[in-house]
Amino acid sequence: MRTFKKYDFGIQCTLIIGFLIASLILRNQTFIVGYFVVGGWQVISMLVHQSKHWFSELGTARYHYHRITLVTVLLMLAGLIVPLFLFIFFLLLFAAPFMACYYAAICYDEVYHKMQRPLAQLK
């Protein structure tokens, strides 16, 4: 678990920073590609964490993030049926980068704080 979580966090940071820099340099549709690549990786990460029950207990930050993401996806699907919900796509255009950084912060906290040995937390 620890190895996966470290690689997961590293890949997330690399993707976020890489697409941010590429978008600033190229100034084209690279940021849209970044939305899907970073978001896709984070969905895979969330599915793995949920299936393995890693830090997804009731009341944890990951649990709440998973529920918020589920509601967001359901609203997006509802927007395809009821045009009134199409505003969620506009909101996600601005919220998605912050959500991605928050998810990376959750992963960082789990790897470097919650997974430490008990004696290391006595500092």
PDB file of N, CA and C in Angstrom:
ATOM      1  N   MET A   1       0.833  -1.189   0.000  1.00  0.00           N
ATOM      2  CA  MET A   1       0.000   0.000   0.000  1.00  0.00           C
ATOM      3  C   MET A   1       0.878   1.253   0.000  1.00  0.00           C
ATOM      4  N   ARG A   2       1.893   1.263   0.831  1.00  0.00           N
ATOM      5  CA  ARG A   2       2.724   2.461   0.947  1.00  0.00           C
ATOM      6  C   ARG A   2       3.410   2.793  -0.377  1.00  0.00           C
ATOM      7  N   THR A   3       3.880   1.767  -1.075  1.00  0.00           N
ATOM      8  CA  THR A   3       4.543   1.988  -2.361  1.00  0.00           C
ATOM      9  C   THR A   3       3.571   2.579  -3.368  1.00  0.00           C
ATOM     10  N   PHE A   4       2.372   2.005  -3.460  1.00  0.00           N
ATOM     11  CA  PHE A   4       1.368   2.532  -4.387  1.00  0.00           C
ATOM     12  C   PHE A   4       1.044   3.984  -4.060  1.00  0.00           C
ATOM     13  N   LYS A   5       0.858   4.279  -2.784  1.00  0.00           N
ATOM     14  CA  LYS A   5       0.460   5.626  -2.388  1.00  0.00           C
ATOM     15  C   LYS A   5       1.565   6.639  -2.694  1.00  0.00           C
ATOM     16  N   LYS A   6       2.830   6.234  -2.507  1.00  0.00           N
ATOM     17  CA  LYS A   6       3.925   7.153  -2.834  1.00  0.00           C
ATOM     18  C   LYS A   6       3.982   7.425  -4.333  1.00  0.00           C
ATOM     19  N   TYR A   7       3.856   6.362  -5.140  1.00  0.00           N
ATOM     20  CA  TYR A   7       3.857   6.555  -6.584  1.00  0.00           C
ATOM     21  C   TYR A   7       2.636   7.352  -7.027  1.00  0.00           C
ATOM     22  N   ASP A   8       1.510   7.079  -6.434  1.00  0.00           N
ATOM     23  CA  ASP A   8       0.282   7.796  -6.755  1.00  0.00           C
ATOM     24  C   ASP A   8       0.464   9.289  -6.510  1.00  0.00           C
ATOM     25  N   PHE A   9       0.977   9.647  -5.348  1.00  0.00           N
ATOM     26  CA  PHE A   9       1.190  11.054  -5.027  1.00  0.00           C
ATOM     27  C   PHE A   9       2.215  11.683  -5.983  1.00  0.00           C
ATOM     28  N   GLY A  10       3.286  10.975  -6.263  1.00  0.00           N
ATOM     29  CA  GLY A  10       4.308  11.495  -7.176  1.00  0.00           C
ATOM     30  C   GLY A  10       3.785  11.716  -8.586  1.00  0.00           C
ATOM     31  N   ILE A  11       3.005  10.770  -9.067  1.00  0.00           N
ATOM     32  CA  ILE A  11       2.440  10.904 -10.409  1.00  0.00           C
ATOM     33  C   ILE A  11       1.459  12.068 -10.460  1.00  0.00           C
ATOM     34  N   GLN A  12       0.642  12.206  -9.427  1.00  0.00           N
ATOM     35  CA  GLN A  12      -0.303  13.330  -9.397  1.00  0.00           C
ATOM     36  C   GLN A  12       0.425  14.668  -9.452  1.00  0.00           C
ATOM     37  N   CYS A  13       1.441  14.809  -8.622  1.00  0.00           N
ATOM     38  CA  CYS A  13       2.197  16.074  -8.604  1.00  0.00           C
ATOM     39  C   CYS A  13       2.875  16.329  -9.944  1.00  0.00           C
ATOM     40  N   THR A  14       3.452  15.292 -10.526  1.00  0.00           N
ATOM     41  CA  THR A  14       4.119  15.439 -11.820  1.00  0.00           C
ATOM     42  C   THR A  14       3.132  15.862 -12.895  1.00  0.00           C
ATOM     43  N   LEU A  15       1.960  15.227 -12.918  1.00  0.00           N
ATOM     44  CA  LEU A  15       0.954  15.579 -13.920  1.00  0.00           C
ATOM     45  C   LEU A  15       0.440  17.001 -13.727  1.00  0.00           C
ATOM     46  N   ILE A  16       0.134  17.364 -12.494  1.00  0.00           N
ATOM     47  CA  ILE A  16      -0.408  18.705 -12.232  1.00  0.00           C
ATOM     48  C   ILE A  16       0.607  19.774 -12.613  1.00  0.00           C
ATOM     49  N   ILE A  17       1.828  19.636 -12.125  1.00  0.00           N
ATOM     50  CA  ILE A  17       2.863  20.638 -12.407  1.00  0.00           C
ATOM     51  C   ILE A  17       3.239  20.623 -13.884  1.00  0.00           C
ATOM     52  N   GLY A  18       3.350  19.430 -14.468  1.00  0.00           N
ATOM     53  CA  GLY A  18       3.714  19.325 -15.882  1.00  0.00           C
ATOM     54  C   GLY A  18       2.705  19.990 -16.802  1.00  0.00           C
ATOM     55  N   PHE A  19       1.429  19.720 -16.583  1.00  0.00           N
ATOM     56  CA  PHE A  19       0.412  20.346 -17.430  1.00  0.00           C
ATOM     57  C   PHE A  19       0.268  21.833 -17.142  1.00  0.00           C
ATOM     58  N   LEU A  20       0.501  22.261 -15.919  1.00  0.00           N
ATOM     59  CA  LEU A  20       0.469  23.684 -15.617  1.00  0.00           C
ATOM     60  C   LEU A  20       1.562  24.414 -16.392  1.00  0.00           C
ATOM     61  N   ILE A  21       2.774  23.880 -16.341  1.00  0.00           N
ATOM     62  CA  ILE A  21       3.895  24.508 -17.060  1.00  0.00           C
ATOM     63  C   ILE A  21       3.673  24.458 -18.565  1.00  0.00           C
ATOM     64  N   ALA A  22       3.239  23.302 -19.065  1.00  0.00           N
ATOM     65  CA  ALA A  22       2.990  23.171 -20.510  1.00  0.00           C
ATOM     66  C   ALA A  22       1.903  24.134 -20.972  1.00  0.00           C
ATOM     67  N   SER A  23       0.869  24.313 -20.172  1.00  0.00           N
ATOM     68  CA  SER A  23      -0.214  25.229 -20.541  1.00  0.00           C
ATOM     69  C   SER A  23       0.258  26.676 -20.574  1.00  0.00           C
ATOM     70  N   LEU A  24       1.110  27.027 -19.613  1.00  0.00           N
ATOM     71  CA  LEU A  24       1.625  28.401 -19.581  1.00  0.00           C
ATOM     72  C   LEU A  24       2.583  28.676 -20.732  1.00  0.00           C
ATOM     73  N   ILE A  25       3.351  27.658 -21.124  1.00  0.00           N
ATOM     74  CA  ILE A  25       4.315  27.846 -22.212  1.00  0.00           C
ATOM     75  C   ILE A  25       3.623  27.811 -23.575  1.00  0.00           C
ATOM     76  N   LEU A  26       2.795  26.796 -23.801  1.00  0.00           N
ATOM     77  CA  LEU A  26       2.201  26.602 -25.128  1.00  0.00           C
ATOM     78  C   LEU A  26       0.995  27.490 -25.394  1.00  0.00           C
ATOM     79  N   ARG A  27       0.257  27.826 -24.349  1.00  0.00           N
ATOM     80  CA  ARG A  27      -0.931  28.680 -24.465  1.00  0.00           C
ATOM     81  C   ARG A  27      -1.890  28.195 -25.559  1.00  0.00           C
ATOM     82  N   ASN A  28      -2.192  26.908 -25.510  1.00  0.00           N
ATOM     83  CA  ASN A  28      -3.186  26.351 -26.429  1.00  0.00           C
ATOM     84  C   ASN A  28      -4.121  25.449 -25.632  1.00  0.00           C
ATOM     85  N   GLN A  29      -4.667  24.433 -26.244  1.00  0.00           N
ATOM     86  CA  GLN A  29      -5.640  23.574 -25.575  1.00  0.00           C
ATOM     87  C   GLN A  29      -4.997  22.544 -24.640  1.00  0.00           C
ATOM     88  N   THR A  30      -3.749  22.697 -24.306  1.00  0.00           N
ATOM     89  CA  THR A  30      -3.063  21.757 -23.422  1.00  0.00           C
ATOM     90  C   THR A  30      -3.737  21.674 -22.061  1.00  0.00           C
ATOM     91  N   PHE A  31      -4.276  22.775 -21.569  1.00  0.00           N
ATOM     92  CA  PHE A  31      -4.917  22.730 -20.246  1.00  0.00           C
ATOM     93  C   PHE A  31      -6.155  21.843 -20.264  1.00  0.00           C
ATOM     94  N   ILE A  32      -6.861  21.764 -21.386  1.00  0.00           N
ATOM     95  CA  ILE A  32      -8.029  20.881 -21.476  1.00  0.00           C
ATOM     96  C   ILE A  32      -7.578  19.425 -21.438  1.00  0.00           C
ATOM     97  N   VAL A  33      -6.512  19.105 -22.136  1.00  0.00           N
ATOM     98  CA  VAL A  33      -5.963  17.746 -22.097  1.00  0.00           C
ATOM     99  C   VAL A  33      -5.529  17.429 -20.671  1.00  0.00           C
ATOM    100  N   GLY A  34      -4.926  18.406 -20.006  1.00  0.00           N
ATOM    101  CA  GLY A  34      -4.502  18.225 -18.617  1.00  0.00           C
ATOM    102  C   GLY A  34      -5.665  17.923 -17.683  1.00  0.00           C
ATOM    103  N   TYR A  35      -6.804  18.566 -17.909  1.00  0.00           N
ATOM    104  CA  TYR A  35      -7.994  18.293 -17.094  1.00  0.00           C
ATOM    105  C   TYR A  35      -8.327  16.807 -17.150  1.00  0.00           C
ATOM    106  N   PHE A  36      -8.343  16.249 -18.369  1.00  0.00           N
ATOM    107  CA  PHE A  36      -8.739  14.857 -18.536  1.00  0.00           C
ATOM    108  C   PHE A  36      -7.676  13.884 -18.060  1.00  0.00           C
ATOM    109  N   VAL A  37      -6.407  14.192 -18.282  1.00  0.00           N
ATOM    110  CA  VAL A  37      -5.334  13.285 -17.856  1.00  0.00           C
ATOM    111  C   VAL A  37      -5.233  13.259 -16.330  1.00  0.00           C
ATOM    112  N   VAL A  38      -5.160  14.424 -15.711  1.00  0.00           N
ATOM    113  CA  VAL A  38      -5.068  14.493 -14.244  1.00  0.00           C
ATOM    114  C   VAL A  38      -6.334  13.939 -13.613  1.00  0.00           C
ATOM    115  N   GLY A  39      -7.479  14.330 -14.135  1.00  0.00           N
ATOM    116  CA  GLY A  39      -8.749  13.827 -13.607  1.00  0.00           C
ATOM    117  C   GLY A  39      -8.882  12.328 -13.770  1.00  0.00           C
ATOM    118  N   GLY A  40      -8.461  11.809 -14.910  1.00  0.00           N
ATOM    119  CA  GLY A  40      -8.515  10.366 -15.139  1.00  0.00           C
ATOM    120  C   GLY A  40      -7.638   9.609 -14.166  1.00  0.00           C
ATOM    121  N   TRP A  41      -6.420  10.124 -13.955  1.00  0.00           N
ATOM    122  CA  TRP A  41      -5.529   9.471 -12.995  1.00  0.00           C
ATOM    123  C   TRP A  41      -6.131   9.502 -11.595  1.00  0.00           C
ATOM    124  N   GLN A  42      -6.714  10.606 -11.220  1.00  0.00           N
ATOM    125  CA  GLN A  42      -7.279  10.706  -9.882  1.00  0.00           C
ATOM    126  C   GLN A  42      -8.523   9.838  -9.721  1.00  0.00           C
ATOM    127  N   VAL A  43      -9.291   9.652 -10.770  1.00  0.00           N
ATOM    128  CA  VAL A  43     -10.437   8.730 -10.697  1.00  0.00           C
ATOM    129  C   VAL A  43      -9.938   7.305 -10.496  1.00  0.00           C
ATOM    130  N   ILE A  44      -8.897   6.918 -11.222  1.00  0.00           N
ATOM    131  CA  ILE A  44      -8.318   5.585 -11.033  1.00  0.00           C
ATOM    132  C   ILE A  44      -7.824   5.439  -9.607  1.00  0.00           C
ATOM    133  N   SER A  45      -7.150   6.446  -9.096  1.00  0.00           N
ATOM    134  CA  SER A  45      -6.649   6.425  -7.718  1.00  0.00           C
ATOM    135  C   SER A  45      -7.796   6.288  -6.724  1.00  0.00           C
ATOM    136  N   MET A  46      -8.870   7.044  -6.944  1.00  0.00           N
ATOM    137  CA  MET A  46     -10.015   6.959  -6.029  1.00  0.00           C
ATOM    138  C   MET A  46     -10.643   5.573  -6.068  1.00  0.00           C
ATOM    139  N   LEU A  47     -10.752   4.986  -7.255  1.00  0.00           N
ATOM    140  CA  LEU A  47     -11.330   3.646  -7.370  1.00  0.00           C
ATOM    141  C   LEU A  47     -10.475   2.599  -6.660  1.00  0.00           C
ATOM    142  N   VAL A  48      -9.154   2.713  -6.798  1.00  0.00           N
ATOM    143  CA  VAL A  48      -8.262   1.779  -6.107  1.00  0.00           C
ATOM    144  C   VAL A  48      -8.395   1.941  -4.595  1.00  0.00           C
ATOM    145  N   HIS A  49      -8.380   3.178  -4.127  1.00  0.00           N
ATOM    146  CA  HIS A  49      -8.503   3.419  -2.682  1.00  0.00           C
ATOM    147  C   HIS A  49      -9.843   2.910  -2.143  1.00  0.00           C
ATOM    148  N   GLN A  50     -10.897   3.136  -2.897  1.00  0.00           N
ATOM    149  CA  GLN A  50     -12.215   2.698  -2.442  1.00  0.00           C
ATOM    150  C   GLN A  50     -12.313   1.178  -2.444  1.00  0.00           C
ATOM    151  N   SER A  51     -11.773   0.530  -3.479  1.00  0.00           N
ATOM    152  CA  SER A  51     -11.872  -0.931  -3.549  1.00  0.00           C
ATOM    153  C   SER A  51     -11.012  -1.616  -2.489  1.00  0.00           C
ATOM    154  N   LYS A  52      -9.896  -1.013  -2.124  1.00  0.00           N
ATOM    155  CA  LYS A  52      -9.002  -1.580  -1.106  1.00  0.00           C
ATOM    156  C   LYS A  52      -9.341  -1.092   0.305  1.00  0.00           C
ATOM    157  N   HIS A  53     -10.288  -0.146   0.408  1.00  0.00           N
ATOM    158  CA  HIS A  53     -10.694   0.439   1.704  1.00  0.00           C
ATOM    159  C   HIS A  53      -9.527   1.106   2.424  1.00  0.00           C
ATOM    160  N   TRP A  54      -8.697   1.824   1.656  1.00  0.00           N
ATOM    161  CA  TRP A  54      -7.568   2.551   2.233  1.00  0.00           C
ATOM    162  C   TRP A  54      -8.029   3.958   2.603  1.00  0.00           C
ATOM    163  N   PHE A  55      -8.062   4.268   3.868  1.00  0.00           N
ATOM    164  CA  PHE A  55      -8.393   5.604   4.384  1.00  0.00           C
ATOM    165  C   PHE A  55      -9.747   6.114   3.895  1.00  0.00           C
ATOM    166  N   SER A  56     -10.667   5.219   3.583  1.00  0.00           N
ATOM    167  CA  SER A  56     -11.976   5.661   3.072  1.00  0.00           C
ATOM    168  C   SER A  56     -13.093   5.383   4.075  1.00  0.00           C
ATOM    169  N   GLU A  57     -12.729   5.373   5.345  1.00  0.00           N
ATOM    170  CA  GLU A  57     -13.732   5.152   6.384  1.00  0.00           C
ATOM    171  C   GLU A  57     -14.621   6.387   6.530  1.00  0.00           C
ATOM    172  N   LEU A  58     -15.773   6.163   7.097  1.00  0.00           N
ATOM    173  CA  LEU A  58     -16.740   7.232   7.319  1.00  0.00           C
ATOM    174  C   LEU A  58     -16.108   8.369   8.133  1.00  0.00           C
ATOM    175  N   GLY A  59     -16.256   9.587   7.644  1.00  0.00           N
ATOM    176  CA  GLY A  59     -15.777  10.759   8.365  1.00  0.00           C
ATOM    177  C   GLY A  59     -14.393  11.246   7.966  1.00  0.00           C
ATOM    178  N   THR A  60     -13.660  10.489   7.142  1.00  0.00           N
ATOM    179  CA  THR A  60     -12.328  10.932   6.735  1.00  0.00           C
ATOM    180  C   THR A  60     -12.434  11.927   5.583  1.00  0.00           C
ATOM    181  N   ALA A  61     -11.347  12.642   5.335  1.00  0.00           N
ATOM    182  CA  ALA A  61     -11.324  13.614   4.241  1.00  0.00           C
ATOM    183  C   ALA A  61     -11.530  12.909   2.901  1.00  0.00           C
ATOM    184  N   ARG A  62     -10.933  11.739   2.759  1.00  0.00           N
ATOM    185  CA  ARG A  62     -11.091  10.982   1.510  1.00  0.00           C
ATOM    186  C   ARG A  62     -12.549  10.578   1.305  1.00  0.00           C
ATOM    187  N   TYR A  63     -13.207  10.144   2.369  1.00  0.00           N
ATOM    188  CA  TYR A  63     -14.612   9.746   2.290  1.00  0.00           C
ATOM    189  C   TYR A  63     -15.460  10.914   1.799  1.00  0.00           C
ATOM    190  N   HIS A  64     -15.257  12.087   2.368  1.00  0.00           N
ATOM    191  CA  HIS A  64     -16.030  13.263   1.965  1.00  0.00           C
ATOM    192  C   HIS A  64     -15.710  13.676   0.526  1.00  0.00           C
ATOM    193  N   TYR A  65     -14.445  13.599   0.148  1.00  0.00           N
ATOM    194  CA  TYR A  65     -14.057  13.951  -1.213  1.00  0.00           C
ATOM    195  C   TYR A  65     -14.694  12.996  -2.223  1.00  0.00           C
ATOM    196  N   HIS A  66     -14.706  11.705  -1.895  1.00  0.00           N
ATOM    197  CA  HIS A  66     -15.338  10.733  -2.790  1.00  0.00           C
ATOM    198  C   HIS A  66     -16.821  11.045  -2.964  1.00  0.00           C
ATOM    199  N   ARG A  67     -17.490  11.402  -1.901  1.00  0.00           N
ATOM    200  CA  ARG A  67     -18.923  11.700  -1.982  1.00  0.00           C
ATOM    201  C   ARG A  67     -19.181  12.977  -2.785  1.00  0.00           C
ATOM    202  N   ILE A  68     -18.358  13.993  -2.583  1.00  0.00           N
ATOM    203  CA  ILE A  68     -18.502  15.236  -3.354  1.00  0.00           C
ATOM    204  C   ILE A  68     -18.277  14.962  -4.835  1.00  0.00           C
ATOM    205  N   THR A  69     -17.288  14.145  -5.148  1.00  0.00           N
ATOM    206  CA  THR A  69     -17.007  13.801  -6.541  1.00  0.00           C
ATOM    207  C   THR A  69     -18.157  13.001  -7.149  1.00  0.00           C
ATOM    208  N   LEU A  70     -18.720  12.082  -6.389  1.00  0.00           N
ATOM    209  CA  LEU A  70     -19.859  11.300  -6.873  1.00  0.00           C
ATOM    210  C   LEU A  70     -21.053  12.204  -7.180  1.00  0.00           C
ATOM    211  N   VAL A  71     -21.350  13.131  -6.282  1.00  0.00           N
ATOM    212  CA  VAL A  71     -22.458  14.067  -6.506  1.00  0.00           C
ATOM    213  C   VAL A  71     -22.183  14.926  -7.745  1.00  0.00           C
ATOM    214  N   THR A  72     -20.951  15.349  -7.909  1.00  0.00           N
ATOM    215  CA  THR A  72     -20.581  16.161  -9.064  1.00  0.00           C
ATOM    216  C   THR A  72     -20.793  15.390 -10.364  1.00  0.00           C
ATOM    217  N   VAL A  73     -20.360  14.144 -10.392  1.00  0.00           N
ATOM    218  CA  VAL A  73     -20.537  13.314 -11.591  1.00  0.00           C
ATOM    219  C   VAL A  73     -22.026  13.099 -11.870  1.00  0.00           C
ATOM    220  N   LEU A  74     -22.803  12.853 -10.838  1.00  0.00           N
ATOM    221  CA  LEU A  74     -24.248  12.672 -11.026  1.00  0.00           C
ATOM    222  C   LEU A  74     -24.906  13.947 -11.559  1.00  0.00           C
ATOM    223  N   LEU A  75     -24.466  15.103 -11.070  1.00  0.00           N
ATOM    224  CA  LEU A  75     -24.996  16.370 -11.585  1.00  0.00           C
ATOM    225  C   LEU A  75     -24.602  16.579 -13.048  1.00  0.00           C
ATOM    226  N   MET A  76     -23.383  16.164 -13.407  1.00  0.00           N
ATOM    227  CA  MET A  76     -22.962  16.274 -14.800  1.00  0.00           C
ATOM    228  C   MET A  76     -23.830  15.390 -15.690  1.00  0.00           C
ATOM    229  N   LEU A  77     -24.102  14.183 -15.248  1.00  0.00           N
ATOM    230  CA  LEU A  77     -24.963  13.288 -16.024  1.00  0.00           C
ATOM    231  C   LEU A  77     -26.385  13.840 -16.104  1.00  0.00           C
ATOM    232  N   ALA A  78     -26.855  14.428 -15.020  1.00  0.00           N
ATOM    233  CA  ALA A  78     -28.184  15.046 -15.035  1.00  0.00           C
ATOM    234  C   ALA A  78     -28.217  16.223 -15.999  1.00  0.00           C
ATOM    235  N   GLY A  79     -27.091  16.910 -16.155  1.00  0.00           N
ATOM    236  CA  GLY A  79     -27.007  18.027 -17.082  1.00  0.00           C
ATOM    237  C   GLY A  79     -27.180  17.604 -18.524  1.00  0.00           C
ATOM    238  N   LEU A  80     -26.868  16.354 -18.814  1.00  0.00           N
ATOM    239  CA  LEU A  80     -27.082  15.854 -20.167  1.00  0.00           C
ATOM    240  C   LEU A  80     -28.566  15.641 -20.453  1.00  0.00           C
ATOM    241  N   ILE A  81     -29.338  15.428 -19.393  1.00  0.00           N
ATOM    242  CA  ILE A  81     -30.779  15.192 -19.546  1.00  0.00           C
ATOM    243  C   ILE A  81     -31.562  16.476 -19.312  1.00  0.00           C
ATOM    244  N   VAL A  82     -31.244  17.161 -18.228  1.00  0.00           N
ATOM    245  CA  VAL A  82     -31.944  18.400 -17.861  1.00  0.00           C
ATOM    246  C   VAL A  82     -30.988  19.573 -18.079  1.00  0.00           C
ATOM    247  N   PRO A  83     -31.227  20.390 -19.077  1.00  0.00           N
ATOM    248  CA  PRO A  83     -30.294  21.488 -19.379  1.00  0.00           C
ATOM    249  C   PRO A  83     -30.064  22.453 -18.224  1.00  0.00           C
ATOM    250  N   LEU A  84     -30.944  22.469 -17.264  1.00  0.00           N
ATOM    251  CA  LEU A  84     -30.784  23.353 -16.115  1.00  0.00           C
ATOM    252  C   LEU A  84     -29.488  23.054 -15.357  1.00  0.00           C
ATOM    253  N   PHE A  85     -29.051  21.791 -15.366  1.00  0.00           N
ATOM    254  CA  PHE A  85     -27.850  21.396 -14.626  1.00  0.00           C
ATOM    255  C   PHE A  85     -26.560  21.598 -15.427  1.00  0.00           C
ATOM    256  N   LEU A  86     -26.634  22.159 -16.610  1.00  0.00           N
ATOM    257  CA  LEU A  86     -25.434  22.361 -17.423  1.00  0.00           C
ATOM    258  C   LEU A  86     -24.457  23.357 -16.803  1.00  0.00           C
ATOM    259  N   PHE A  87     -24.926  24.170 -15.862  1.00  0.00           N
ATOM    260  CA  PHE A  87     -24.033  25.125 -15.208  1.00  0.00           C
ATOM    261  C   PHE A  87     -22.898  24.425 -14.465  1.00  0.00           C
ATOM    262  N   ILE A  88     -23.085  23.144 -14.111  1.00  0.00           N
ATOM    263  CA  ILE A  88     -22.045  22.411 -13.379  1.00  0.00           C
ATOM    264  C   ILE A  88     -20.771  22.301 -14.212  1.00  0.00           C
ATOM    265  N   PHE A  89     -20.916  22.213 -15.539  1.00  0.00           N
ATOM    266  CA  PHE A  89     -19.731  22.152 -16.402  1.00  0.00           C
ATOM    267  C   PHE A  89     -18.947  23.453 -16.328  1.00  0.00           C
ATOM    268  N   PHE A  90     -19.650  24.559 -16.295  1.00  0.00           N
ATOM    269  CA  PHE A  90     -18.991  25.859 -16.184  1.00  0.00           C
ATOM    270  C   PHE A  90     -18.294  25.991 -14.831  1.00  0.00           C
ATOM    271  N   LEU A  91     -18.956  25.564 -13.778  1.00  0.00           N
ATOM    272  CA  LEU A  91     -18.347  25.624 -12.446  1.00  0.00           C
ATOM    273  C   LEU A  91     -17.107  24.736 -12.354  1.00  0.00           C
ATOM    274  N   LEU A  92     -17.186  23.558 -12.963  1.00  0.00           N
ATOM    275  CA  LEU A  92     -16.042  22.643 -12.906  1.00  0.00           C
ATOM    276  C   LEU A  92     -14.834  23.164 -13.670  1.00  0.00           C
ATOM    277  N   LEU A  93     -15.064  23.994 -14.650  1.00  0.00           N
ATOM    278  CA  LEU A  93     -13.952  24.583 -15.388  1.00  0.00           C
ATOM    279  C   LEU A  93     -13.012  25.321 -14.433  1.00  0.00           C
ATOM    280  N   PHE A  94     -13.586  25.972 -13.427  1.00  0.00           N
ATOM    281  CA  PHE A  94     -12.785  26.715 -12.456  1.00  0.00           C
ATOM    282  C   PHE A  94     -12.469  25.900 -11.201  1.00  0.00           C
ATOM    283  N   ALA A  95     -13.352  24.983 -10.833  1.00  0.00           N
ATOM    284  CA  ALA A  95     -13.171  24.215  -9.593  1.00  0.00           C
ATOM    285  C   ALA A  95     -12.230  23.031  -9.754  1.00  0.00           C
ATOM    286  N   ALA A  96     -12.136  22.463 -10.941  1.00  0.00           N
ATOM    287  CA  ALA A  96     -11.355  21.246 -11.139  1.00  0.00           C
ATOM    288  C   ALA A  96      -9.881  21.375 -10.737  1.00  0.00           C
ATOM    289  N   PRO A  97      -9.191  22.449 -11.076  1.00  0.00           N
ATOM    290  CA  PRO A  97      -7.786  22.546 -10.632  1.00  0.00           C
ATOM    291  C   PRO A  97      -7.645  22.562  -9.106  1.00  0.00           C
ATOM    292  N   PHE A  98      -8.563  23.219  -8.427  1.00  0.00           N
ATOM    293  CA  PHE A  98      -8.511  23.249  -6.964  1.00  0.00           C
ATOM    294  C   PHE A  98      -8.852  21.882  -6.377  1.00  0.00           C
ATOM    295  N   MET A  99      -9.797  21.197  -7.011  1.00  0.00           N
ATOM    296  CA  MET A  99     -10.142  19.842  -6.560  1.00  0.00           C
ATOM    297  C   MET A  99      -8.953  18.898  -6.731  1.00  0.00           C
ATOM    298  N   ALA A 100      -8.240  19.028  -7.844  1.00  0.00           N
ATOM    299  CA  ALA A 100      -7.083  18.173  -8.099  1.00  0.00           C
ATOM    300  C   ALA A 100      -5.990  18.424  -7.060  1.00  0.00           C
ATOM    301  N   CYS A 101      -5.742  19.675  -6.749  1.00  0.00           N
ATOM    302  CA  CYS A 101      -4.725  19.998  -5.739  1.00  0.00           C
ATOM    303  C   CYS A 101      -5.155  19.524  -4.356  1.00  0.00           C
ATOM    304  N   TYR A 102      -6.433  19.641  -4.051  1.00  0.00           N
ATOM    305  CA  TYR A 102      -6.931  19.174  -2.754  1.00  0.00           C
ATOM    306  C   TYR A 102      -6.795  17.658  -2.640  1.00  0.00           C
ATOM    307  N   TYR A 103      -7.101  16.943  -3.715  1.00  0.00           N
ATOM    308  CA  TYR A 103      -6.959  15.485  -3.688  1.00  0.00           C
ATOM    309  C   TYR A 103      -5.493  15.090  -3.501  1.00  0.00           C
ATOM    310  N   ALA A 104      -4.595  15.804  -4.160  1.00  0.00           N
ATOM    311  CA  ALA A 104      -3.164  15.536  -3.975  1.00  0.00           C
ATOM    312  C   ALA A 104      -2.754  15.817  -2.527  1.00  0.00           C
ATOM    313  N   ALA A 105      -3.323  16.839  -1.924  1.00  0.00           N
ATOM    314  CA  ALA A 105      -3.025  17.142  -0.516  1.00  0.00           C
ATOM    315  C   ALA A 105      -3.540  16.033   0.408  1.00  0.00           C
ATOM    316  N   ILE A 106      -4.701  15.475   0.089  1.00  0.00           N
ATOM    317  CA  ILE A 106      -5.215  14.346   0.872  1.00  0.00           C
ATOM    318  C   ILE A 106      -4.241  13.176   0.785  1.00  0.00           C
ATOM    319  N   CYS A 107      -3.758  12.892  -0.410  1.00  0.00           N
ATOM    320  CA  CYS A 107      -2.802  11.793  -0.595  1.00  0.00           C
ATOM    321  C   CYS A 107      -1.500  12.069   0.151  1.00  0.00           C
ATOM    322  N   TYR A 108      -1.024  13.302   0.094  1.00  0.00           N
ATOM    323  CA  TYR A 108       0.200  13.661   0.814  1.00  0.00           C
ATOM    324  C   TYR A 108       0.026  13.427   2.313  1.00  0.00           C
ATOM    325  N   ASP A 109      -1.097  13.873   2.857  1.00  0.00           N
ATOM    326  CA  ASP A 109      -1.351  13.704   4.288  1.00  0.00           C
ATOM    327  C   ASP A 109      -1.384  12.233   4.671  1.00  0.00           C
ATOM    328  N   GLU A 110      -1.980  11.410   3.833  1.00  0.00           N
ATOM    329  CA  GLU A 110      -2.048   9.984   4.142  1.00  0.00           C
ATOM    330  C   GLU A 110      -0.677   9.335   4.100  1.00  0.00           C
ATOM    331  N   VAL A 111       0.130   9.686   3.111  1.00  0.00           N
ATOM    332  CA  VAL A 111       1.442   9.057   2.961  1.00  0.00           C
ATOM    333  C   VAL A 111       2.424   9.534   4.021  1.00  0.00           C
ATOM    334  N   TYR A 112       2.500  10.825   4.243  1.00  0.00           N
ATOM    335  CA  TYR A 112       3.567  11.370   5.076  1.00  0.00           C
ATOM    336  C   TYR A 112       3.154  11.703   6.511  1.00  0.00           C
ATOM    337  N   HIS A 113       1.882  11.568   6.838  1.00  0.00           N
ATOM    338  CA  HIS A 113       1.468  11.794   8.222  1.00  0.00           C
ATOM    339  C   HIS A 113       0.769  10.582   8.813  1.00  0.00           C
ATOM    340  N   LYS A 114      -0.259  10.098   8.156  1.00  0.00           N
ATOM    341  CA  LYS A 114      -1.064   9.023   8.722  1.00  0.00           C
ATOM    342  C   LYS A 114      -0.391   7.658   8.662  1.00  0.00           C
ATOM    343  N   MET A 115       0.535   7.463   7.719  1.00  0.00           N
ATOM    344  CA  MET A 115       1.172   6.161   7.577  1.00  0.00           C
ATOM    345  C   MET A 115       2.507   6.073   8.302  1.00  0.00           C
ATOM    346  N   GLN A 116       2.850   7.057   9.089  1.00  0.00           N
ATOM    347  CA  GLN A 116       4.097   6.999   9.849  1.00  0.00           C
ATOM    348  C   GLN A 116       3.977   5.987  10.974  1.00  0.00           C
ATOM    349  N   ARG A 117       5.120   5.525  11.422  1.00  0.00           N
ATOM    350  CA  ARG A 117       5.127   4.628  12.575  1.00  0.00           C
ATOM    351  C   ARG A 117       4.725   5.408  13.810  1.00  0.00           C
ATOM    352  N   PRO A 118       4.116   4.757  14.780  1.00  0.00           N
ATOM    353  CA  PRO A 118       3.613   5.477  15.970  1.00  0.00           C
ATOM    354  C   PRO A 118       4.701   6.281  16.695  1.00  0.00           C
ATOM    355  N   LEU A 119       5.914   5.778  16.792  1.00  0.00           N
ATOM    356  CA  LEU A 119       6.954   6.516  17.514  1.00  0.00           C
ATOM    357  C   LEU A 119       7.394   7.769  16.759  1.00  0.00           C
ATOM    358  N   ALA A 120       7.264   7.773  15.438  1.00  0.00           N
ATOM    359  CA  ALA A 120       7.641   8.935  14.662  1.00  0.00           C
ATOM    360  C   ALA A 120       6.674  10.105  14.885  1.00  0.00           C
ATOM    361  N   GLN A 121       5.485   9.816  15.375  1.00  0.00           N
ATOM    362  CA  GLN A 121       4.481  10.857  15.591  1.00  0.00           C
ATOM    363  C   GLN A 121       4.629  11.518  16.958  1.00  0.00           C
ATOM    364  N   LEU A 122       5.577  11.055  17.784  1.00  0.00           N
ATOM    365  CA  LEU A 122       5.746  11.612  19.118  1.00  0.00           C
ATOM    366  C   LEU A 122       6.582  12.887  19.148  1.00  0.00           C
ATOM    367  N   LYS A 123       7.133  13.302  18.025  1.00  0.00           N
ATOM    368  CA  LYS A 123       7.984  14.493  17.976  1.00  0.00           C
ATOM    369  C   LYS A 123       7.308  15.698  18.570  1.00  0.00           C
TER     370      LYS A 123
END
